[in-house]
Amino acid sequence: MSKIRLLLVDDHAIVRAGMHMLLETQEDMQIVGEAENGRVAIKQVQALRPDVVLMDIAMPDMDGFAATREIKRLYPQVAVLALTVHDHEEYFFRMLEAGASGYVPKSAAPTDLITAIRSVAAGGVFLYPTVAKALVGDYLRRVEAGSEKESYDGLTGREQEVLKLIAEGRTNQEIADRLVISIKTVERHRANIMDKLNLHSRTDLVKYAIRKGLIEIGE
């Protein structure tokens, strides 16, 4: 069984050391590198091609938001998991917009972090319960305000399949391969889904997927 290749990104050496001690005991994980800021992280991703990047947010030189956007632009197959002391809504909304597949506060239990890593490595999305609660709360406020549609609103069976795969973090190519359709067809389905459900961003889609039970949320 191939191991999950991890890159640890945090500007505090003692935090990286703690993560290293925790994660190196997992038989299915391998720490391939570390970085003290976003700029170094991008170089390390290029050189090491990890499966998952554990990304801090507040770092000197280049923060986690900018680094995540660039990593996902250059290497969309690499999953980014935010691991941070920040638990304000604005931070995890911005990280999801940047392309992160999960968000775990540093106050979480070690088992939550390990579960999150395995989830995003498998192509899923992991949101810590407090994060999910805030996302759903924001979604419900939009429903009450009439700016969010609440049902599948006429999605075809194929569009529902595509929606679930998007919510799982699958790339257009992976969706095309799974459903045996072209990438252009996937892109057309994605556009139709966003239009029918009044979704405008990846964050909107994640909130919708949580409400519909398409995304696994930590206990």
N, C-alpha and C. Protein backbone atom coordinates (compact mmCIF):
# COMPACT_ATOMS: atom_id res chain seq x y z
N MET A 1 0.84 -1.20 0.00
CA MET A 1 0.00 0.00 0.00
C MET A 1 0.88 1.25 0.00
N SER A 2 0.63 2.14 -0.94
CA SER A 2 1.42 3.37 -1.00
C SER A 2 1.03 4.31 0.13
N LYS A 3 2.00 5.02 0.67
CA LYS A 3 1.76 5.91 1.79
C LYS A 3 1.32 7.29 1.31
N ILE A 4 0.62 8.00 2.18
CA ILE A 4 0.21 9.37 1.89
C ILE A 4 1.42 10.27 2.13
N ARG A 5 1.85 10.95 1.09
CA ARG A 5 3.04 11.80 1.17
C ARG A 5 2.63 13.20 1.66
N LEU A 6 3.26 13.64 2.76
CA LEU A 6 2.86 14.87 3.42
C LEU A 6 3.95 15.94 3.38
N LEU A 7 3.51 17.18 3.19
CA LEU A 7 4.40 18.33 3.32
C LEU A 7 3.85 19.19 4.45
N LEU A 8 4.69 19.49 5.45
CA LEU A 8 4.28 20.29 6.61
C LEU A 8 4.71 21.73 6.41
N VAL A 9 3.74 22.65 6.47
CA VAL A 9 4.04 24.07 6.24
C VAL A 9 3.59 24.88 7.45
N ASP A 10 4.57 25.42 8.19
CA ASP A 10 4.28 26.24 9.37
C ASP A 10 5.54 27.04 9.68
N ASP A 11 5.37 28.30 10.08
CA ASP A 11 6.55 29.13 10.34
C ASP A 11 7.16 28.86 11.71
N HIS A 12 6.53 28.02 12.52
CA HIS A 12 7.09 27.68 13.83
C HIS A 12 7.69 26.27 13.79
N ALA A 13 9.00 26.21 14.01
CA ALA A 13 9.70 24.92 13.94
C ALA A 13 9.16 23.94 14.98
N ILE A 14 8.78 24.44 16.14
CA ILE A 14 8.31 23.54 17.19
C ILE A 14 6.96 22.92 16.82
N VAL A 15 6.14 23.66 16.07
CA VAL A 15 4.87 23.11 15.60
C VAL A 15 5.12 22.02 14.57
N ARG A 16 6.03 22.28 13.64
CA ARG A 16 6.36 21.27 12.63
C ARG A 16 6.92 20.02 13.31
N ALA A 17 7.73 20.21 14.34
CA ALA A 17 8.31 19.07 15.05
C ALA A 17 7.22 18.25 15.72
N GLY A 18 6.23 18.94 16.31
CA GLY A 18 5.13 18.23 16.95
C GLY A 18 4.31 17.43 15.95
N MET A 19 4.01 18.04 14.80
CA MET A 19 3.27 17.33 13.77
C MET A 19 4.06 16.13 13.27
N HIS A 20 5.36 16.33 13.13
CA HIS A 20 6.23 15.25 12.65
C HIS A 20 6.17 14.07 13.60
N MET A 21 6.26 14.34 14.91
CA MET A 21 6.22 13.27 15.91
C MET A 21 4.89 12.51 15.86
N LEU A 22 3.80 13.25 15.67
CA LEU A 22 2.48 12.63 15.62
C LEU A 22 2.29 11.79 14.36
N LEU A 23 2.62 12.37 13.22
CA LEU A 23 2.26 11.76 11.95
C LEU A 23 3.20 10.65 11.52
N GLU A 24 4.45 10.70 11.95
CA GLU A 24 5.39 9.67 11.53
C GLU A 24 5.06 8.31 12.15
N THR A 25 4.19 8.30 13.15
CA THR A 25 3.79 7.03 13.76
C THR A 25 2.68 6.34 12.96
N GLN A 26 2.10 7.04 11.99
CA GLN A 26 1.02 6.46 11.19
C GLN A 26 1.61 5.64 10.05
N GLU A 27 1.23 4.38 9.98
CA GLU A 27 1.82 3.47 9.00
C GLU A 27 1.51 3.85 7.57
N ASP A 28 0.41 4.58 7.36
CA ASP A 28 0.02 4.92 6.00
C ASP A 28 0.44 6.33 5.60
N MET A 29 1.31 6.97 6.40
CA MET A 29 1.74 8.34 6.10
C MET A 29 3.25 8.47 6.08
N GLN A 30 3.73 9.36 5.22
CA GLN A 30 5.16 9.62 5.10
C GLN A 30 5.38 11.12 4.95
N ILE A 31 6.17 11.70 5.83
CA ILE A 31 6.48 13.13 5.75
C ILE A 31 7.67 13.30 4.81
N VAL A 32 7.42 13.96 3.69
CA VAL A 32 8.47 14.08 2.67
C VAL A 32 9.20 15.42 2.74
N GLY A 33 8.65 16.39 3.48
CA GLY A 33 9.33 17.68 3.55
C GLY A 33 8.61 18.65 4.47
N GLU A 34 9.30 19.79 4.72
CA GLU A 34 8.76 20.85 5.56
C GLU A 34 9.05 22.20 4.90
N ALA A 35 8.27 23.21 5.28
CA ALA A 35 8.49 24.56 4.76
C ALA A 35 8.06 25.56 5.83
N GLU A 36 8.77 26.68 5.91
CA GLU A 36 8.49 27.68 6.93
C GLU A 36 7.61 28.82 6.44
N ASN A 37 7.31 28.84 5.14
CA ASN A 37 6.39 29.85 4.62
C ASN A 37 5.83 29.38 3.28
N GLY A 38 4.87 30.14 2.76
CA GLY A 38 4.20 29.73 1.54
C GLY A 38 5.10 29.66 0.33
N ARG A 39 6.05 30.57 0.24
CA ARG A 39 6.92 30.60 -0.93
C ARG A 39 7.79 29.35 -0.99
N VAL A 40 8.33 28.96 0.16
CA VAL A 40 9.12 27.73 0.21
C VAL A 40 8.23 26.52 -0.04
N ALA A 41 7.00 26.58 0.45
CA ALA A 41 6.07 25.47 0.25
C ALA A 41 5.84 25.18 -1.22
N ILE A 42 5.67 26.23 -2.02
CA ILE A 42 5.44 26.05 -3.45
C ILE A 42 6.62 25.35 -4.10
N LYS A 43 7.83 25.76 -3.72
CA LYS A 43 9.04 25.12 -4.26
C LYS A 43 9.12 23.66 -3.83
N GLN A 44 8.73 23.40 -2.58
CA GLN A 44 8.77 22.03 -2.09
C GLN A 44 7.73 21.14 -2.78
N VAL A 45 6.58 21.70 -3.07
CA VAL A 45 5.56 20.94 -3.80
C VAL A 45 6.08 20.58 -5.19
N GLN A 46 6.73 21.54 -5.82
CA GLN A 46 7.30 21.29 -7.15
C GLN A 46 8.34 20.18 -7.11
N ALA A 47 9.18 20.20 -6.07
CA ALA A 47 10.28 19.24 -5.98
C ALA A 47 9.84 17.87 -5.46
N LEU A 48 8.88 17.86 -4.53
CA LEU A 48 8.56 16.62 -3.82
C LEU A 48 7.24 15.99 -4.22
N ARG A 49 6.34 16.77 -4.83
CA ARG A 49 5.02 16.30 -5.25
C ARG A 49 4.31 15.50 -4.15
N PRO A 50 4.02 16.15 -3.03
CA PRO A 50 3.29 15.47 -1.96
C PRO A 50 1.84 15.22 -2.36
N ASP A 51 1.18 14.35 -1.62
CA ASP A 51 -0.25 14.12 -1.83
C ASP A 51 -1.07 15.16 -1.08
N VAL A 52 -0.61 15.51 0.13
CA VAL A 52 -1.32 16.46 0.98
C VAL A 52 -0.35 17.48 1.56
N VAL A 53 -0.75 18.75 1.52
CA VAL A 53 0.02 19.82 2.16
C VAL A 53 -0.75 20.29 3.38
N LEU A 54 -0.12 20.19 4.56
CA LEU A 54 -0.72 20.74 5.77
C LEU A 54 -0.28 22.19 5.86
N MET A 55 -1.23 23.10 5.68
CA MET A 55 -0.90 24.51 5.46
C MET A 55 -1.35 25.41 6.61
N ASP A 56 -0.39 26.10 7.21
CA ASP A 56 -0.70 27.15 8.17
C ASP A 56 -1.18 28.37 7.38
N ILE A 57 -1.80 29.33 8.03
CA ILE A 57 -2.31 30.50 7.33
C ILE A 57 -1.40 31.72 7.51
N ALA A 58 -1.19 32.13 8.76
CA ALA A 58 -0.40 33.34 9.02
C ALA A 58 1.08 33.01 9.05
N MET A 59 1.78 33.37 7.97
CA MET A 59 3.21 33.11 7.86
C MET A 59 3.87 34.30 7.19
N PRO A 60 5.15 34.54 7.47
CA PRO A 60 5.86 35.64 6.81
C PRO A 60 6.15 35.34 5.35
N ASP A 61 6.44 36.37 4.60
CA ASP A 61 6.84 36.28 3.18
C ASP A 61 5.66 35.94 2.27
N MET A 62 5.02 34.78 2.48
CA MET A 62 3.81 34.44 1.73
C MET A 62 2.89 33.65 2.65
N ASP A 63 1.64 34.11 2.81
CA ASP A 63 0.73 33.44 3.73
C ASP A 63 0.07 32.22 3.09
N GLY A 64 -0.74 31.52 3.89
CA GLY A 64 -1.37 30.29 3.44
C GLY A 64 -2.39 30.48 2.34
N PHE A 65 -3.07 31.64 2.33
CA PHE A 65 -4.05 31.90 1.28
C PHE A 65 -3.38 31.93 -0.10
N ALA A 66 -2.34 32.76 -0.20
CA ALA A 66 -1.64 32.92 -1.48
C ALA A 66 -0.97 31.62 -1.90
N ALA A 67 -0.35 30.94 -0.94
CA ALA A 67 0.34 29.70 -1.27
C ALA A 67 -0.63 28.63 -1.75
N THR A 68 -1.79 28.54 -1.10
CA THR A 68 -2.79 27.55 -1.51
C THR A 68 -3.29 27.82 -2.92
N ARG A 69 -3.60 29.08 -3.21
CA ARG A 69 -4.06 29.43 -4.56
C ARG A 69 -3.03 29.03 -5.61
N GLU A 70 -1.76 29.32 -5.34
CA GLU A 70 -0.72 29.03 -6.32
C GLU A 70 -0.48 27.53 -6.47
N ILE A 71 -0.49 26.82 -5.36
CA ILE A 71 -0.30 25.37 -5.41
C ILE A 71 -1.43 24.71 -6.20
N LYS A 72 -2.67 25.13 -5.94
CA LYS A 72 -3.80 24.53 -6.66
C LYS A 72 -3.81 24.93 -8.13
N ARG A 73 -3.28 26.09 -8.45
CA ARG A 73 -3.19 26.51 -9.85
C ARG A 73 -2.17 25.66 -10.60
N LEU A 74 -1.02 25.44 -9.96
CA LEU A 74 0.07 24.72 -10.61
C LEU A 74 -0.09 23.20 -10.51
N TYR A 75 -0.59 22.74 -9.37
CA TYR A 75 -0.67 21.30 -9.11
C TYR A 75 -2.06 20.97 -8.53
N PRO A 76 -3.09 21.01 -9.34
CA PRO A 76 -4.47 20.82 -8.85
C PRO A 76 -4.70 19.47 -8.18
N GLN A 77 -3.83 18.49 -8.48
CA GLN A 77 -4.02 17.17 -7.89
C GLN A 77 -3.55 17.10 -6.45
N VAL A 78 -2.79 18.09 -5.99
CA VAL A 78 -2.29 18.12 -4.61
C VAL A 78 -3.37 18.69 -3.70
N ALA A 79 -3.71 17.95 -2.65
CA ALA A 79 -4.72 18.42 -1.69
C ALA A 79 -4.07 19.31 -0.64
N VAL A 80 -4.76 20.39 -0.29
CA VAL A 80 -4.28 21.29 0.76
C VAL A 80 -5.24 21.21 1.94
N LEU A 81 -4.68 20.96 3.12
CA LEU A 81 -5.47 20.90 4.35
C LEU A 81 -4.99 22.02 5.27
N ALA A 82 -5.88 22.97 5.56
CA ALA A 82 -5.52 24.08 6.44
C ALA A 82 -5.48 23.59 7.88
N LEU A 83 -4.38 23.88 8.56
CA LEU A 83 -4.22 23.54 9.97
C LEU A 83 -3.74 24.80 10.67
N THR A 84 -4.62 25.44 11.42
CA THR A 84 -4.32 26.78 11.89
C THR A 84 -4.95 27.10 13.23
N VAL A 85 -4.43 28.12 13.89
CA VAL A 85 -5.00 28.57 15.17
C VAL A 85 -6.23 29.43 14.92
N HIS A 86 -6.40 29.91 13.71
CA HIS A 86 -7.51 30.82 13.40
C HIS A 86 -8.81 30.06 13.22
N ASP A 87 -9.85 30.47 13.97
CA ASP A 87 -11.14 29.81 13.83
C ASP A 87 -12.24 30.79 13.43
N HIS A 88 -11.84 31.95 12.91
CA HIS A 88 -12.82 32.93 12.45
C HIS A 88 -13.35 32.52 11.07
N GLU A 89 -14.62 32.80 10.83
CA GLU A 89 -15.25 32.40 9.57
C GLU A 89 -14.50 32.93 8.35
N GLU A 90 -14.04 34.18 8.43
CA GLU A 90 -13.40 34.77 7.26
C GLU A 90 -12.18 33.97 6.82
N TYR A 91 -11.48 33.34 7.76
CA TYR A 91 -10.28 32.58 7.41
C TYR A 91 -10.63 31.32 6.64
N PHE A 92 -11.59 30.53 7.16
CA PHE A 92 -11.85 29.28 6.44
C PHE A 92 -12.63 29.50 5.17
N PHE A 93 -13.45 30.55 5.10
CA PHE A 93 -14.08 30.87 3.82
C PHE A 93 -13.02 31.18 2.77
N ARG A 94 -12.04 31.98 3.16
CA ARG A 94 -10.97 32.36 2.21
C ARG A 94 -10.12 31.16 1.82
N MET A 95 -9.87 30.25 2.77
CA MET A 95 -9.08 29.07 2.43
C MET A 95 -9.84 28.14 1.48
N LEU A 96 -11.15 28.00 1.69
CA LEU A 96 -11.93 27.19 0.77
C LEU A 96 -11.95 27.81 -0.62
N GLU A 97 -12.10 29.13 -0.66
CA GLU A 97 -12.07 29.84 -1.94
C GLU A 97 -10.73 29.64 -2.64
N ALA A 98 -9.66 29.59 -1.85
CA ALA A 98 -8.31 29.42 -2.42
C ALA A 98 -8.09 28.01 -2.95
N GLY A 99 -8.93 27.06 -2.51
CA GLY A 99 -8.81 25.70 -3.03
C GLY A 99 -8.52 24.63 -2.00
N ALA A 100 -8.50 24.99 -0.71
CA ALA A 100 -8.24 23.99 0.33
C ALA A 100 -9.36 22.95 0.36
N SER A 101 -9.01 21.71 0.66
CA SER A 101 -9.99 20.62 0.73
C SER A 101 -10.44 20.35 2.15
N GLY A 102 -9.87 21.06 3.10
CA GLY A 102 -10.25 20.84 4.49
C GLY A 102 -9.71 21.93 5.39
N TYR A 103 -10.26 22.00 6.60
CA TYR A 103 -9.88 23.04 7.55
C TYR A 103 -9.97 22.46 8.95
N VAL A 104 -8.82 22.39 9.65
CA VAL A 104 -8.76 21.83 10.99
C VAL A 104 -8.05 22.81 11.91
N PRO A 105 -8.67 23.20 13.03
CA PRO A 105 -7.99 24.09 13.98
C PRO A 105 -6.91 23.32 14.74
N LYS A 106 -5.87 24.03 15.17
CA LYS A 106 -4.79 23.37 15.90
C LYS A 106 -5.25 22.89 17.27
N SER A 107 -6.40 23.33 17.70
CA SER A 107 -6.94 22.87 18.98
C SER A 107 -7.64 21.51 18.85
N ALA A 108 -7.76 21.01 17.63
CA ALA A 108 -8.46 19.73 17.41
C ALA A 108 -7.65 18.57 17.99
N ALA A 109 -8.34 17.47 18.22
CA ALA A 109 -7.69 16.26 18.70
C ALA A 109 -6.82 15.67 17.60
N PRO A 110 -5.70 15.03 17.96
CA PRO A 110 -4.84 14.41 16.95
C PRO A 110 -5.59 13.45 16.03
N THR A 111 -6.56 12.73 16.58
CA THR A 111 -7.33 11.79 15.74
C THR A 111 -8.11 12.52 14.66
N ASP A 112 -8.57 13.75 14.96
CA ASP A 112 -9.29 14.53 13.94
C ASP A 112 -8.36 14.90 12.79
N LEU A 113 -7.14 15.29 13.12
CA LEU A 113 -6.16 15.65 12.08
C LEU A 113 -5.85 14.45 11.21
N ILE A 114 -5.64 13.31 11.82
CA ILE A 114 -5.32 12.10 11.06
C ILE A 114 -6.47 11.71 10.14
N THR A 115 -7.70 11.80 10.67
CA THR A 115 -8.88 11.51 9.86
C THR A 115 -8.99 12.47 8.69
N ALA A 116 -8.72 13.75 8.96
CA ALA A 116 -8.80 14.78 7.92
C ALA A 116 -7.79 14.51 6.81
N ILE A 117 -6.57 14.15 7.18
CA ILE A 117 -5.54 13.87 6.18
C ILE A 117 -5.97 12.72 5.28
N ARG A 118 -6.45 11.66 5.88
CA ARG A 118 -6.88 10.50 5.08
C ARG A 118 -8.05 10.86 4.17
N SER A 119 -8.95 11.70 4.66
CA SER A 119 -10.12 12.08 3.88
C SER A 119 -9.73 12.89 2.65
N VAL A 120 -8.91 13.92 2.83
CA VAL A 120 -8.55 14.77 1.68
C VAL A 120 -7.61 14.03 0.74
N ALA A 121 -6.78 13.13 1.28
CA ALA A 121 -5.88 12.34 0.42
C ALA A 121 -6.68 11.44 -0.51
N ALA A 122 -7.86 11.02 -0.06
CA ALA A 122 -8.72 10.15 -0.86
C ALA A 122 -9.60 10.95 -1.82
N GLY A 123 -9.40 12.28 -1.83
CA GLY A 123 -10.17 13.11 -2.75
C GLY A 123 -11.41 13.72 -2.14
N GLY A 124 -11.59 13.54 -0.83
CA GLY A 124 -12.77 14.08 -0.18
C GLY A 124 -12.52 15.47 0.39
N VAL A 125 -13.52 15.95 1.12
CA VAL A 125 -13.44 17.24 1.79
C VAL A 125 -13.69 17.01 3.27
N PHE A 126 -12.85 17.59 4.13
CA PHE A 126 -13.03 17.42 5.57
C PHE A 126 -13.14 18.79 6.22
N LEU A 127 -14.22 18.97 6.97
CA LEU A 127 -14.42 20.21 7.71
C LEU A 127 -14.67 19.88 9.17
N TYR A 128 -13.89 20.49 10.04
CA TYR A 128 -14.06 20.31 11.48
C TYR A 128 -15.48 20.77 11.84
N PRO A 129 -16.13 20.11 12.83
CA PRO A 129 -17.53 20.42 13.14
C PRO A 129 -17.86 21.89 13.34
N THR A 130 -16.99 22.65 14.03
CA THR A 130 -17.29 24.07 14.24
C THR A 130 -17.26 24.83 12.92
N VAL A 131 -16.39 24.41 12.02
CA VAL A 131 -16.33 25.03 10.70
C VAL A 131 -17.60 24.69 9.91
N ALA A 132 -17.97 23.44 9.93
CA ALA A 132 -19.17 23.01 9.21
C ALA A 132 -20.41 23.73 9.74
N LYS A 133 -20.48 23.90 11.06
CA LYS A 133 -21.62 24.59 11.66
C LYS A 133 -21.73 26.01 11.14
N ALA A 134 -20.59 26.70 11.05
CA ALA A 134 -20.60 28.07 10.55
C ALA A 134 -20.99 28.12 9.08
N LEU A 135 -20.51 27.15 8.30
CA LEU A 135 -20.85 27.10 6.88
C LEU A 135 -22.34 26.87 6.68
N VAL A 136 -22.89 25.92 7.44
CA VAL A 136 -24.31 25.64 7.32
C VAL A 136 -25.13 26.83 7.81
N GLY A 137 -24.66 27.47 8.89
CA GLY A 137 -25.36 28.65 9.38
C GLY A 137 -25.42 29.74 8.34
N ASP A 138 -24.31 29.96 7.66
CA ASP A 138 -24.27 30.97 6.61
C ASP A 138 -25.21 30.58 5.48
N TYR A 139 -25.22 29.29 5.14
CA TYR A 139 -26.11 28.80 4.08
C TYR A 139 -27.57 29.06 4.44
N LEU A 140 -27.94 28.72 5.68
CA LEU A 140 -29.34 28.89 6.09
C LEU A 140 -29.75 30.36 6.11
N ARG A 141 -28.83 31.23 6.49
CA ARG A 141 -29.14 32.66 6.46
C ARG A 141 -29.44 33.10 5.03
N ARG A 142 -28.70 32.54 4.08
CA ARG A 142 -28.93 32.89 2.68
C ARG A 142 -30.24 32.31 2.18
N VAL A 143 -30.60 31.11 2.67
CA VAL A 143 -31.89 30.52 2.29
C VAL A 143 -33.02 31.41 2.78
N GLU A 144 -32.92 31.85 4.06
CA GLU A 144 -33.96 32.70 4.64
C GLU A 144 -34.05 34.04 3.91
N ALA A 145 -32.92 34.50 3.41
CA ALA A 145 -32.91 35.78 2.70
C ALA A 145 -33.37 35.63 1.26
N GLY A 146 -33.56 34.37 0.84
CA GLY A 146 -34.03 34.12 -0.52
C GLY A 146 -32.94 34.12 -1.57
N SER A 147 -31.67 34.13 -1.13
CA SER A 147 -30.57 34.17 -2.10
C SER A 147 -29.97 32.81 -2.36
N GLU A 148 -30.50 31.75 -1.74
CA GLU A 148 -29.99 30.40 -1.93
C GLU A 148 -31.16 29.46 -2.20
N LYS A 149 -31.07 28.67 -3.23
CA LYS A 149 -32.12 27.70 -3.51
C LYS A 149 -31.92 26.48 -2.62
N GLU A 150 -33.01 25.84 -2.24
CA GLU A 150 -32.94 24.83 -1.19
C GLU A 150 -33.07 23.39 -1.69
N SER A 151 -33.32 23.16 -2.95
CA SER A 151 -33.48 21.80 -3.43
C SER A 151 -32.61 21.56 -4.66
N TYR A 152 -32.73 20.34 -5.20
CA TYR A 152 -31.97 20.03 -6.41
C TYR A 152 -32.49 20.81 -7.61
N ASP A 153 -33.68 21.40 -7.50
CA ASP A 153 -34.20 22.32 -8.50
C ASP A 153 -34.00 21.85 -9.94
N GLY A 154 -34.42 20.61 -10.21
CA GLY A 154 -34.42 20.16 -11.59
C GLY A 154 -33.10 19.64 -12.12
N LEU A 155 -32.14 19.33 -11.25
CA LEU A 155 -30.90 18.74 -11.74
C LEU A 155 -31.20 17.38 -12.35
N THR A 156 -30.58 17.10 -13.47
CA THR A 156 -30.72 15.78 -14.07
C THR A 156 -29.94 14.76 -13.24
N GLY A 157 -30.17 13.48 -13.50
CA GLY A 157 -29.44 12.44 -12.79
C GLY A 157 -27.94 12.58 -12.99
N ARG A 158 -27.53 12.88 -14.21
CA ARG A 158 -26.10 13.02 -14.49
C ARG A 158 -25.52 14.24 -13.78
N GLU A 159 -26.30 15.33 -13.72
CA GLU A 159 -25.82 16.53 -13.03
C GLU A 159 -25.66 16.26 -11.54
N GLN A 160 -26.54 15.44 -10.96
CA GLN A 160 -26.40 15.09 -9.55
C GLN A 160 -25.13 14.26 -9.33
N GLU A 161 -24.83 13.36 -10.28
CA GLU A 161 -23.59 12.58 -10.20
C GLU A 161 -22.38 13.50 -10.23
N VAL A 162 -22.39 14.45 -11.16
CA VAL A 162 -21.27 15.39 -11.29
C VAL A 162 -21.14 16.24 -10.03
N LEU A 163 -22.27 16.69 -9.49
CA LEU A 163 -22.25 17.50 -8.28
C LEU A 163 -21.58 16.75 -7.13
N LYS A 164 -21.92 15.49 -6.94
CA LYS A 164 -21.34 14.71 -5.86
C LYS A 164 -19.83 14.57 -6.04
N LEU A 165 -19.40 14.33 -7.27
CA LEU A 165 -17.97 14.17 -7.53
C LEU A 165 -17.22 15.49 -7.33
N ILE A 166 -17.84 16.60 -7.72
CA ILE A 166 -17.23 17.90 -7.48
C ILE A 166 -17.09 18.13 -5.98
N ALA A 167 -18.14 17.81 -5.23
CA ALA A 167 -18.13 18.00 -3.79
C ALA A 167 -17.06 17.15 -3.12
N GLU A 168 -16.74 16.01 -3.72
CA GLU A 168 -15.69 15.14 -3.20
C GLU A 168 -14.29 15.66 -3.52
N GLY A 169 -14.23 16.73 -4.29
CA GLY A 169 -12.94 17.31 -4.63
C GLY A 169 -12.32 16.76 -5.89
N ARG A 170 -13.09 16.02 -6.68
CA ARG A 170 -12.55 15.44 -7.92
C ARG A 170 -12.29 16.51 -8.96
N THR A 171 -11.23 16.34 -9.72
CA THR A 171 -10.92 17.26 -10.80
C THR A 171 -11.82 16.97 -12.00
N ASN A 172 -11.87 17.91 -12.95
CA ASN A 172 -12.68 17.69 -14.16
C ASN A 172 -12.23 16.43 -14.89
N GLN A 173 -10.91 16.21 -14.93
CA GLN A 173 -10.39 15.02 -15.61
C GLN A 173 -10.83 13.76 -14.91
N GLU A 174 -10.77 13.75 -13.57
CA GLU A 174 -11.19 12.57 -12.82
C GLU A 174 -12.68 12.29 -13.00
N ILE A 175 -13.47 13.36 -13.02
CA ILE A 175 -14.91 13.19 -13.23
C ILE A 175 -15.18 12.65 -14.63
N ALA A 176 -14.47 13.19 -15.61
CA ALA A 176 -14.64 12.72 -16.99
C ALA A 176 -14.29 11.24 -17.11
N ASP A 177 -13.19 10.84 -16.47
CA ASP A 177 -12.77 9.44 -16.51
C ASP A 177 -13.79 8.54 -15.81
N ARG A 178 -14.27 9.00 -14.65
CA ARG A 178 -15.22 8.20 -13.87
C ARG A 178 -16.53 7.98 -14.62
N LEU A 179 -17.02 9.03 -15.28
CA LEU A 179 -18.32 8.95 -15.94
C LEU A 179 -18.22 8.65 -17.43
N VAL A 180 -16.97 8.51 -17.91
CA VAL A 180 -16.72 8.21 -19.33
C VAL A 180 -17.37 9.27 -20.21
N ILE A 181 -17.05 10.53 -19.93
CA ILE A 181 -17.51 11.65 -20.74
C ILE A 181 -16.32 12.57 -20.97
N SER A 182 -16.47 13.55 -21.84
CA SER A 182 -15.37 14.46 -22.12
C SER A 182 -15.27 15.54 -21.06
N ILE A 183 -14.10 16.18 -20.97
CA ILE A 183 -13.90 17.26 -20.01
C ILE A 183 -14.84 18.42 -20.35
N LYS A 184 -15.05 18.68 -21.63
CA LYS A 184 -15.97 19.75 -22.01
C LYS A 184 -17.39 19.47 -21.52
N THR A 185 -17.79 18.21 -21.54
CA THR A 185 -19.11 17.85 -21.04
C THR A 185 -19.18 18.07 -19.53
N VAL A 186 -18.10 17.72 -18.83
CA VAL A 186 -18.04 17.96 -17.38
C VAL A 186 -18.18 19.45 -17.09
N GLU A 187 -17.45 20.26 -17.85
CA GLU A 187 -17.50 21.71 -17.65
C GLU A 187 -18.90 22.26 -17.91
N ARG A 188 -19.58 21.69 -18.91
CA ARG A 188 -20.95 22.13 -19.20
C ARG A 188 -21.89 21.75 -18.07
N HIS A 189 -21.73 20.51 -17.55
CA HIS A 189 -22.56 20.09 -16.42
C HIS A 189 -22.30 20.98 -15.20
N ARG A 190 -21.04 21.29 -14.95
CA ARG A 190 -20.69 22.13 -13.80
C ARG A 190 -21.36 23.50 -13.92
N ALA A 191 -21.30 24.07 -15.11
CA ALA A 191 -21.91 25.39 -15.32
C ALA A 191 -23.42 25.33 -15.11
N ASN A 192 -24.05 24.25 -15.60
CA ASN A 192 -25.49 24.10 -15.43
C ASN A 192 -25.87 23.95 -13.95
N ILE A 193 -25.04 23.18 -13.22
CA ILE A 193 -25.31 22.97 -11.79
C ILE A 193 -25.22 24.29 -11.03
N MET A 194 -24.15 25.03 -11.28
CA MET A 194 -23.96 26.30 -10.58
C MET A 194 -25.11 27.25 -10.87
N ASP A 195 -25.57 27.22 -12.11
CA ASP A 195 -26.64 28.12 -12.51
C ASP A 195 -27.97 27.71 -11.87
N LYS A 196 -28.30 26.42 -11.94
CA LYS A 196 -29.57 25.95 -11.41
C LYS A 196 -29.67 26.10 -9.90
N LEU A 197 -28.54 25.93 -9.21
CA LEU A 197 -28.56 25.98 -7.75
C LEU A 197 -28.16 27.35 -7.21
N ASN A 198 -27.91 28.28 -8.11
CA ASN A 198 -27.53 29.64 -7.70
C ASN A 198 -26.25 29.63 -6.87
N LEU A 199 -25.29 28.81 -7.27
CA LEU A 199 -24.00 28.74 -6.60
C LEU A 199 -22.99 29.52 -7.43
N HIS A 200 -22.10 30.23 -6.74
CA HIS A 200 -21.18 31.11 -7.46
C HIS A 200 -19.71 30.84 -7.18
N SER A 201 -19.42 29.93 -6.27
CA SER A 201 -18.02 29.67 -5.93
C SER A 201 -17.89 28.28 -5.33
N ARG A 202 -16.65 27.86 -5.13
CA ARG A 202 -16.40 26.56 -4.51
C ARG A 202 -16.94 26.53 -3.08
N THR A 203 -16.86 27.65 -2.38
CA THR A 203 -17.39 27.71 -1.03
C THR A 203 -18.89 27.48 -1.03
N ASP A 204 -19.60 28.11 -1.97
CA ASP A 204 -21.04 27.90 -2.09
C ASP A 204 -21.35 26.42 -2.32
N LEU A 205 -20.57 25.80 -3.20
CA LEU A 205 -20.81 24.40 -3.52
C LEU A 205 -20.58 23.52 -2.30
N VAL A 206 -19.52 23.80 -1.53
CA VAL A 206 -19.24 23.02 -0.33
C VAL A 206 -20.36 23.16 0.68
N LYS A 207 -20.87 24.38 0.87
CA LYS A 207 -21.97 24.60 1.80
C LYS A 207 -23.20 23.81 1.36
N TYR A 208 -23.48 23.84 0.08
CA TYR A 208 -24.62 23.11 -0.46
C TYR A 208 -24.43 21.61 -0.23
N ALA A 209 -23.22 21.13 -0.51
CA ALA A 209 -22.95 19.70 -0.39
C ALA A 209 -23.06 19.23 1.06
N ILE A 210 -22.66 20.08 2.00
CA ILE A 210 -22.81 19.73 3.42
C ILE A 210 -24.29 19.56 3.75
N ARG A 211 -25.09 20.53 3.33
CA ARG A 211 -26.52 20.50 3.65
C ARG A 211 -27.19 19.27 3.04
N LYS A 212 -26.72 18.84 1.88
CA LYS A 212 -27.34 17.69 1.21
C LYS A 212 -26.69 16.38 1.62
N GLY A 213 -25.72 16.43 2.55
CA GLY A 213 -25.10 15.19 3.03
C GLY A 213 -24.12 14.58 2.06
N LEU A 214 -23.59 15.38 1.14
CA LEU A 214 -22.65 14.85 0.15
C LEU A 214 -21.22 14.83 0.67
N ILE A 215 -20.97 15.59 1.74
CA ILE A 215 -19.61 15.70 2.28
C ILE A 215 -19.58 15.16 3.71
N GLU A 216 -18.55 14.35 4.00
CA GLU A 216 -18.38 13.81 5.34
C GLU A 216 -17.82 14.89 6.25
N ILE A 217 -18.44 15.04 7.42
CA ILE A 217 -18.00 16.02 8.39
C ILE A 217 -17.50 15.29 9.62
N GLY A 218 -16.42 15.78 10.19
CA GLY A 218 -15.86 15.15 11.39
C GLY A 218 -16.85 15.14 12.54
N GLU A 219 -16.73 14.11 13.38
CA GLU A 219 -17.64 13.99 14.52
C GLU A 219 -17.27 14.98 15.61
